[in-house]
Amino acid sequence: MFGYSEQEIAQIGLTWGVGAFMLYMVFIILQLARESKAGRFGTFILLLGLGFGLVGFLAKGVLKWFMAGLGS
């Protein structure tokens, strides 16, 4: 499709699609904090608790990138 292989399309989708989805999830968490009038500390706790999985996913990507650079 458009000169790209299936592997390239999957890589683009995983990189940009999952990144966009993660930003949307942060937006949802911030909306939840605003609608519940959580305040600064409550917003921090929501972002920490609900966004912890996002941080782990990002850390995994950074570690994979770093370790791939060490091997070459």
PDB file of N, CA and C in Angstrom:
ATOM      1  N   MET A   1       0.847  -1.178   0.000  1.00  0.00           N
ATOM      2  CA  MET A   1       0.000   0.000   0.000  1.00  0.00           C
ATOM      3  C   MET A   1       0.886   1.234   0.000  1.00  0.00           C
ATOM      4  N   PHE A   2       0.728   2.085  -0.994  1.00  0.00           N
ATOM      5  CA  PHE A   2       1.497   3.324  -1.143  1.00  0.00           C
ATOM      6  C   PHE A   2       3.007   3.083  -1.118  1.00  0.00           C
ATOM      7  N   GLY A   3       3.446   1.909  -1.537  1.00  0.00           N
ATOM      8  CA  GLY A   3       4.868   1.602  -1.601  1.00  0.00           C
ATOM      9  C   GLY A   3       5.489   1.142  -0.294  1.00  0.00           C
ATOM     10  N   TYR A   4       4.679   0.898   0.728  1.00  0.00           N
ATOM     11  CA  TYR A   4       5.187   0.447   2.023  1.00  0.00           C
ATOM     12  C   TYR A   4       4.873  -1.035   2.191  1.00  0.00           C
ATOM     13  N   SER A   5       5.762  -1.739   2.867  1.00  0.00           N
ATOM     14  CA  SER A   5       5.504  -3.149   3.163  1.00  0.00           C
ATOM     15  C   SER A   5       4.606  -3.249   4.396  1.00  0.00           C
ATOM     16  N   GLU A   6       4.102  -4.440   4.634  1.00  0.00           N
ATOM     17  CA  GLU A   6       3.239  -4.661   5.793  1.00  0.00           C
ATOM     18  C   GLU A   6       3.994  -4.394   7.097  1.00  0.00           C
ATOM     19  N   GLN A   7       5.254  -4.762   7.124  1.00  0.00           N
ATOM     20  CA  GLN A   7       6.068  -4.552   8.325  1.00  0.00           C
ATOM     21  C   GLN A   7       6.260  -3.059   8.601  1.00  0.00           C
ATOM     22  N   GLU A   8       6.497  -2.271   7.549  1.00  0.00           N
ATOM     23  CA  GLU A   8       6.672  -0.826   7.735  1.00  0.00           C
ATOM     24  C   GLU A   8       5.388  -0.159   8.213  1.00  0.00           C
ATOM     25  N   ILE A   9       4.257  -0.588   7.667  1.00  0.00           N
ATOM     26  CA  ILE A   9       2.971  -0.030   8.092  1.00  0.00           C
ATOM     27  C   ILE A   9       2.693  -0.385   9.550  1.00  0.00           C
ATOM     28  N   ALA A  10       3.001  -1.616   9.936  1.00  0.00           N
ATOM     29  CA  ALA A  10       2.795  -2.037  11.322  1.00  0.00           C
ATOM     30  C   ALA A  10       3.694  -1.242  12.266  1.00  0.00           C
ATOM     31  N   GLN A  11       4.932  -1.009  11.870  1.00  0.00           N
ATOM     32  CA  GLN A  11       5.856  -0.243  12.718  1.00  0.00           C
ATOM     33  C   GLN A  11       5.386   1.203  12.875  1.00  0.00           C
ATOM     34  N   ILE A  12       4.935   1.806  11.800  1.00  0.00           N
ATOM     35  CA  ILE A  12       4.421   3.184  11.866  1.00  0.00           C
ATOM     36  C   ILE A  12       3.181   3.228  12.748  1.00  0.00           C
ATOM     37  N   GLY A  13       2.293   2.250  12.583  1.00  0.00           N
ATOM     38  CA  GLY A  13       1.087   2.211  13.401  1.00  0.00           C
ATOM     39  C   GLY A  13       1.385   2.031  14.872  1.00  0.00           C
ATOM     40  N   LEU A  14       2.336   1.171  15.175  1.00  0.00           N
ATOM     41  CA  LEU A  14       2.689   0.961  16.579  1.00  0.00           C
ATOM     42  C   LEU A  14       3.355   2.192  17.177  1.00  0.00           C
ATOM     43  N   THR A  15       4.218   2.832  16.403  1.00  0.00           N
ATOM     44  CA  THR A  15       4.925   4.002  16.926  1.00  0.00           C
ATOM     45  C   THR A  15       3.992   5.192  17.101  1.00  0.00           C
ATOM     46  N   TRP A  16       3.357   5.601  16.035  1.00  0.00           N
ATOM     47  CA  TRP A  16       2.528   6.812  16.075  1.00  0.00           C
ATOM     48  C   TRP A  16       1.137   6.544  16.621  1.00  0.00           C
ATOM     49  N   GLY A  17       0.567   5.396  16.299  1.00  0.00           N
ATOM     50  CA  GLY A  17      -0.780   5.082  16.774  1.00  0.00           C
ATOM     51  C   GLY A  17      -0.843   4.912  18.275  1.00  0.00           C
ATOM     52  N   VAL A  18       0.078   4.155  18.822  1.00  0.00           N
ATOM     53  CA  VAL A  18       0.093   3.947  20.270  1.00  0.00           C
ATOM     54  C   VAL A  18       0.477   5.244  20.981  1.00  0.00           C
ATOM     55  N   GLY A  19       1.384   6.018  20.399  1.00  0.00           N
ATOM     56  CA  GLY A  19       1.742   7.315  20.982  1.00  0.00           C
ATOM     57  C   GLY A  19       0.559   8.266  21.037  1.00  0.00           C
ATOM     58  N   ALA A  20      -0.207   8.323  19.953  1.00  0.00           N
ATOM     59  CA  ALA A  20      -1.399   9.170  19.922  1.00  0.00           C
ATOM     60  C   ALA A  20      -2.436   8.674  20.926  1.00  0.00           C
ATOM     61  N   PHE A  21      -2.594   7.364  21.032  1.00  0.00           N
ATOM     62  CA  PHE A  21      -3.532   6.803  21.997  1.00  0.00           C
ATOM     63  C   PHE A  21      -3.114   7.141  23.427  1.00  0.00           C
ATOM     64  N   MET A  22      -1.823   7.124  23.704  1.00  0.00           N
ATOM     65  CA  MET A  22      -1.335   7.460  25.044  1.00  0.00           C
ATOM     66  C   MET A  22      -1.599   8.926  25.367  1.00  0.00           C
ATOM     67  N   LEU A  23      -1.390   9.811  24.406  1.00  0.00           N
ATOM     68  CA  LEU A  23      -1.706  11.227  24.624  1.00  0.00           C
ATOM     69  C   LEU A  23      -3.203  11.417  24.873  1.00  0.00           C
ATOM     70  N   TYR A  24      -4.021  10.672  24.155  1.00  0.00           N
ATOM     71  CA  TYR A  24      -5.464  10.749  24.360  1.00  0.00           C
ATOM     72  C   TYR A  24      -5.836  10.265  25.762  1.00  0.00           C
ATOM     73  N   MET A  25      -5.147   9.240  26.248  1.00  0.00           N
ATOM     74  CA  MET A  25      -5.414   8.747  27.598  1.00  0.00           C
ATOM     75  C   MET A  25      -5.037   9.788  28.654  1.00  0.00           C
ATOM     76  N   VAL A  26      -3.945  10.508  28.435  1.00  0.00           N
ATOM     77  CA  VAL A  26      -3.577  11.591  29.361  1.00  0.00           C
ATOM     78  C   VAL A  26      -4.655  12.670  29.346  1.00  0.00           C
ATOM     79  N   PHE A  27      -5.175  12.997  28.152  1.00  0.00           N
ATOM     80  CA  PHE A  27      -6.261  13.966  28.046  1.00  0.00           C
ATOM     81  C   PHE A  27      -7.488  13.490  28.833  1.00  0.00           C
ATOM     82  N   ILE A  28      -7.821  12.215  28.738  1.00  0.00           N
ATOM     83  CA  ILE A  28      -8.963  11.671  29.474  1.00  0.00           C
ATOM     84  C   ILE A  28      -8.737  11.771  30.980  1.00  0.00           C
ATOM     85  N   ILE A  29      -7.533  11.475  31.436  1.00  0.00           N
ATOM     86  CA  ILE A  29      -7.220  11.562  32.871  1.00  0.00           C
ATOM     87  C   ILE A  29      -7.353  13.004  33.348  1.00  0.00           C
ATOM     88  N   LEU A  30      -6.857  13.956  32.556  1.00  0.00           N
ATOM     89  CA  LEU A  30      -6.961  15.364  32.941  1.00  0.00           C
ATOM     90  C   LEU A  30      -8.415  15.830  32.942  1.00  0.00           C
ATOM     91  N   GLN A  31      -9.211  15.359  31.998  1.00  0.00           N
ATOM     92  CA  GLN A  31     -10.638  15.687  31.987  1.00  0.00           C
ATOM     93  C   GLN A  31     -11.332  15.128  33.226  1.00  0.00           C
ATOM     94  N   LEU A  32     -10.975  13.912  33.599  1.00  0.00           N
ATOM     95  CA  LEU A  32     -11.540  13.291  34.793  1.00  0.00           C
ATOM     96  C   LEU A  32     -11.184  14.107  36.031  1.00  0.00           C
ATOM     97  N   ALA A  33      -9.955  14.557  36.117  1.00  0.00           N
ATOM     98  CA  ALA A  33      -9.523  15.365  37.262  1.00  0.00           C
ATOM     99  C   ALA A  33     -10.260  16.698  37.293  1.00  0.00           C
ATOM    100  N   ARG A  34     -10.453  17.298  36.133  1.00  0.00           N
ATOM    101  CA  ARG A  34     -11.130  18.598  36.081  1.00  0.00           C
ATOM    102  C   ARG A  34     -12.600  18.466  36.455  1.00  0.00           C
ATOM    103  N   GLU A  35     -13.275  17.456  35.900  1.00  0.00           N
ATOM    104  CA  GLU A  35     -14.703  17.286  36.171  1.00  0.00           C
ATOM    105  C   GLU A  35     -14.979  16.877  37.616  1.00  0.00           C
ATOM    106  N   SER A  36     -14.039  16.189  38.232  1.00  0.00           N
ATOM    107  CA  SER A  36     -14.237  15.785  39.623  1.00  0.00           C
ATOM    108  C   SER A  36     -13.707  16.830  40.603  1.00  0.00           C
ATOM    109  N   LYS A  37     -13.162  17.935  40.080  1.00  0.00           N
ATOM    110  CA  LYS A  37     -12.604  19.020  40.911  1.00  0.00           C
ATOM    111  C   LYS A  37     -11.596  18.467  41.907  1.00  0.00           C
ATOM    112  N   ALA A  38     -10.633  17.722  41.375  1.00  0.00           N
ATOM    113  CA  ALA A  38      -9.667  17.019  42.211  1.00  0.00           C
ATOM    114  C   ALA A  38      -8.627  17.948  42.833  1.00  0.00           C
ATOM    115  N   GLY A  39      -8.366  19.088  42.254  1.00  0.00           N
ATOM    116  CA  GLY A  39      -7.318  19.967  42.767  1.00  0.00           C
ATOM    117  C   GLY A  39      -5.956  19.505  42.278  1.00  0.00           C
ATOM    118  N   ARG A  40      -4.926  20.205  42.713  1.00  0.00           N
ATOM    119  CA  ARG A  40      -3.575  19.871  42.249  1.00  0.00           C
ATOM    120  C   ARG A  40      -3.108  18.504  42.730  1.00  0.00           C
ATOM    121  N   PHE A  41      -3.279  18.254  44.016  1.00  0.00           N
ATOM    122  CA  PHE A  41      -2.805  16.989  44.568  1.00  0.00           C
ATOM    123  C   PHE A  41      -3.608  15.820  44.009  1.00  0.00           C
ATOM    124  N   GLY A  42      -4.911  15.981  43.899  1.00  0.00           N
ATOM    125  CA  GLY A  42      -5.748  14.925  43.341  1.00  0.00           C
ATOM    126  C   GLY A  42      -5.411  14.638  41.888  1.00  0.00           C
ATOM    127  N   THR A  43      -5.139  15.695  41.126  1.00  0.00           N
ATOM    128  CA  THR A  43      -4.738  15.519  39.731  1.00  0.00           C
ATOM    129  C   THR A  43      -3.414  14.772  39.650  1.00  0.00           C
ATOM    130  N   PHE A  44      -2.488  15.120  40.535  1.00  0.00           N
ATOM    131  CA  PHE A  44      -1.205  14.429  40.576  1.00  0.00           C
ATOM    132  C   PHE A  44      -1.400  12.947  40.880  1.00  0.00           C
ATOM    133  N   ILE A  45      -2.255  12.632  41.840  1.00  0.00           N
ATOM    134  CA  ILE A  45      -2.498  11.241  42.203  1.00  0.00           C
ATOM    135  C   ILE A  45      -3.155  10.493  41.045  1.00  0.00           C
ATOM    136  N   LEU A  46      -4.108  11.133  40.364  1.00  0.00           N
ATOM    137  CA  LEU A  46      -4.740  10.496  39.209  1.00  0.00           C
ATOM    138  C   LEU A  46      -3.724  10.220  38.108  1.00  0.00           C
ATOM    139  N   LEU A  47      -2.890  11.213  37.811  1.00  0.00           N
ATOM    140  CA  LEU A  47      -1.879  11.023  36.777  1.00  0.00           C
ATOM    141  C   LEU A  47      -0.871   9.957  37.184  1.00  0.00           C
ATOM    142  N   LEU A  48      -0.513   9.935  38.457  1.00  0.00           N
ATOM    143  CA  LEU A  48       0.437   8.938  38.938  1.00  0.00           C
ATOM    144  C   LEU A  48      -0.163   7.536  38.878  1.00  0.00           C
ATOM    145  N   GLY A  49      -1.363   7.398  39.392  1.00  0.00           N
ATOM    146  CA  GLY A  49      -1.983   6.076  39.452  1.00  0.00           C
ATOM    147  C   GLY A  49      -2.411   5.546  38.093  1.00  0.00           C
ATOM    148  N   LEU A  50      -3.119   6.375  37.328  1.00  0.00           N
ATOM    149  CA  LEU A  50      -3.636   5.913  36.047  1.00  0.00           C
ATOM    150  C   LEU A  50      -2.587   5.994  34.940  1.00  0.00           C
ATOM    151  N   GLY A  51      -1.621   6.880  35.097  1.00  0.00           N
ATOM    152  CA  GLY A  51      -0.598   7.018  34.072  1.00  0.00           C
ATOM    153  C   GLY A  51       0.641   6.175  34.307  1.00  0.00           C
ATOM    154  N   PHE A  52       0.648   5.385  35.378  1.00  0.00           N
ATOM    155  CA  PHE A  52       1.825   4.582  35.699  1.00  0.00           C
ATOM    156  C   PHE A  52       2.109   3.550  34.618  1.00  0.00           C
ATOM    157  N   GLY A  53       1.078   2.975  34.054  1.00  0.00           N
ATOM    158  CA  GLY A  53       1.256   2.013  32.967  1.00  0.00           C
ATOM    159  C   GLY A  53       1.841   2.664  31.728  1.00  0.00           C
ATOM    160  N   LEU A  54       1.457   3.908  31.478  1.00  0.00           N
ATOM    161  CA  LEU A  54       2.010   4.637  30.332  1.00  0.00           C
ATOM    162  C   LEU A  54       3.507   4.862  30.509  1.00  0.00           C
ATOM    163  N   VAL A  55       3.901   5.193  31.717  1.00  0.00           N
ATOM    164  CA  VAL A  55       5.323   5.417  31.995  1.00  0.00           C
ATOM    165  C   VAL A  55       6.109   4.119  31.799  1.00  0.00           C
ATOM    166  N   GLY A  56       5.549   3.008  32.232  1.00  0.00           N
ATOM    167  CA  GLY A  56       6.215   1.715  32.042  1.00  0.00           C
ATOM    168  C   GLY A  56       6.369   1.368  30.575  1.00  0.00           C
ATOM    169  N   PHE A  57       5.339   1.644  29.794  1.00  0.00           N
ATOM    170  CA  PHE A  57       5.411   1.371  28.361  1.00  0.00           C
ATOM    171  C   PHE A  57       6.478   2.240  27.696  1.00  0.00           C
ATOM    172  N   LEU A  58       6.547   3.515  28.075  1.00  0.00           N
ATOM    173  CA  LEU A  58       7.577   4.400  27.526  1.00  0.00           C
ATOM    174  C   LEU A  58       8.975   3.964  27.960  1.00  0.00           C
ATOM    175  N   ALA A  59       9.108   3.567  29.213  1.00  0.00           N
ATOM    176  CA  ALA A  59      10.411   3.130  29.709  1.00  0.00           C
ATOM    177  C   ALA A  59      10.884   1.881  28.962  1.00  0.00           C
ATOM    178  N   LYS A  60       9.963   0.970  28.652  1.00  0.00           N
ATOM    179  CA  LYS A  60      10.325  -0.227  27.901  1.00  0.00           C
ATOM    180  C   LYS A  60      10.862   0.151  26.525  1.00  0.00           C
ATOM    181  N   GLY A  61      10.219   1.099  25.866  1.00  0.00           N
ATOM    182  CA  GLY A  61      10.681   1.548  24.556  1.00  0.00           C
ATOM    183  C   GLY A  61      12.049   2.200  24.611  1.00  0.00           C
ATOM    184  N   VAL A  62      12.269   3.015  25.641  1.00  0.00           N
ATOM    185  CA  VAL A  62      13.569   3.679  25.794  1.00  0.00           C
ATOM    186  C   VAL A  62      14.655   2.645  26.072  1.00  0.00           C
ATOM    187  N   LEU A  63      14.357   1.668  26.927  1.00  0.00           N
ATOM    188  CA  LEU A  63      15.346   0.629  27.225  1.00  0.00           C
ATOM    189  C   LEU A  63      15.676  -0.209  25.993  1.00  0.00           C
ATOM    190  N   LYS A  64      14.665  -0.552  25.199  1.00  0.00           N
ATOM    191  CA  LYS A  64      14.911  -1.312  23.980  1.00  0.00           C
ATOM    192  C   LYS A  64      15.781  -0.507  23.007  1.00  0.00           C
ATOM    193  N   TRP A  65      15.492   0.774  22.880  1.00  0.00           N
ATOM    194  CA  TRP A  65      16.267   1.648  21.992  1.00  0.00           C
ATOM    195  C   TRP A  65      17.717   1.754  22.474  1.00  0.00           C
ATOM    196  N   PHE A  66      17.889   1.925  23.790  1.00  0.00           N
ATOM    197  CA  PHE A  66      19.224   2.057  24.358  1.00  0.00           C
ATOM    198  C   PHE A  66      20.030   0.773  24.192  1.00  0.00           C
ATOM    199  N   MET A  67      19.392  -0.357  24.461  1.00  0.00           N
ATOM    200  CA  MET A  67      20.107  -1.630  24.365  1.00  0.00           C
ATOM    201  C   MET A  67      20.406  -2.000  22.907  1.00  0.00           C
ATOM    202  N   ALA A  68      19.554  -1.606  21.987  1.00  0.00           N
ATOM    203  CA  ALA A  68      19.818  -1.855  20.564  1.00  0.00           C
ATOM    204  C   ALA A  68      21.030  -1.037  20.104  1.00  0.00           C
ATOM    205  N   GLY A  69      21.194   0.144  20.665  1.00  0.00           N
ATOM    206  CA  GLY A  69      22.344   0.977  20.318  1.00  0.00           C
ATOM    207  C   GLY A  69      23.631   0.419  20.884  1.00  0.00           C
ATOM    208  N   LEU A  70      23.584  -0.250  22.015  1.00  0.00           N
ATOM    209  CA  LEU A  70      24.781  -0.828  22.600  1.00  0.00           C
ATOM    210  C   LEU A  70      25.264  -2.035  21.810  1.00  0.00           C
ATOM    211  N   GLY A  71      24.344  -2.776  21.223  1.00  0.00           N
ATOM    212  CA  GLY A  71      24.703  -3.993  20.510  1.00  0.00           C
ATOM    213  C   GLY A  71      25.384  -3.731  19.170  1.00  0.00           C
ATOM    214  N   SER A  72      25.179  -2.564  18.592  1.00  0.00           N
ATOM    215  CA  SER A  72      25.761  -2.336  17.258  1.00  0.00           C
ATOM    216  C   SER A  72      27.025  -1.519  17.291  1.00  0.00           C
TER     217      SER A  72
END
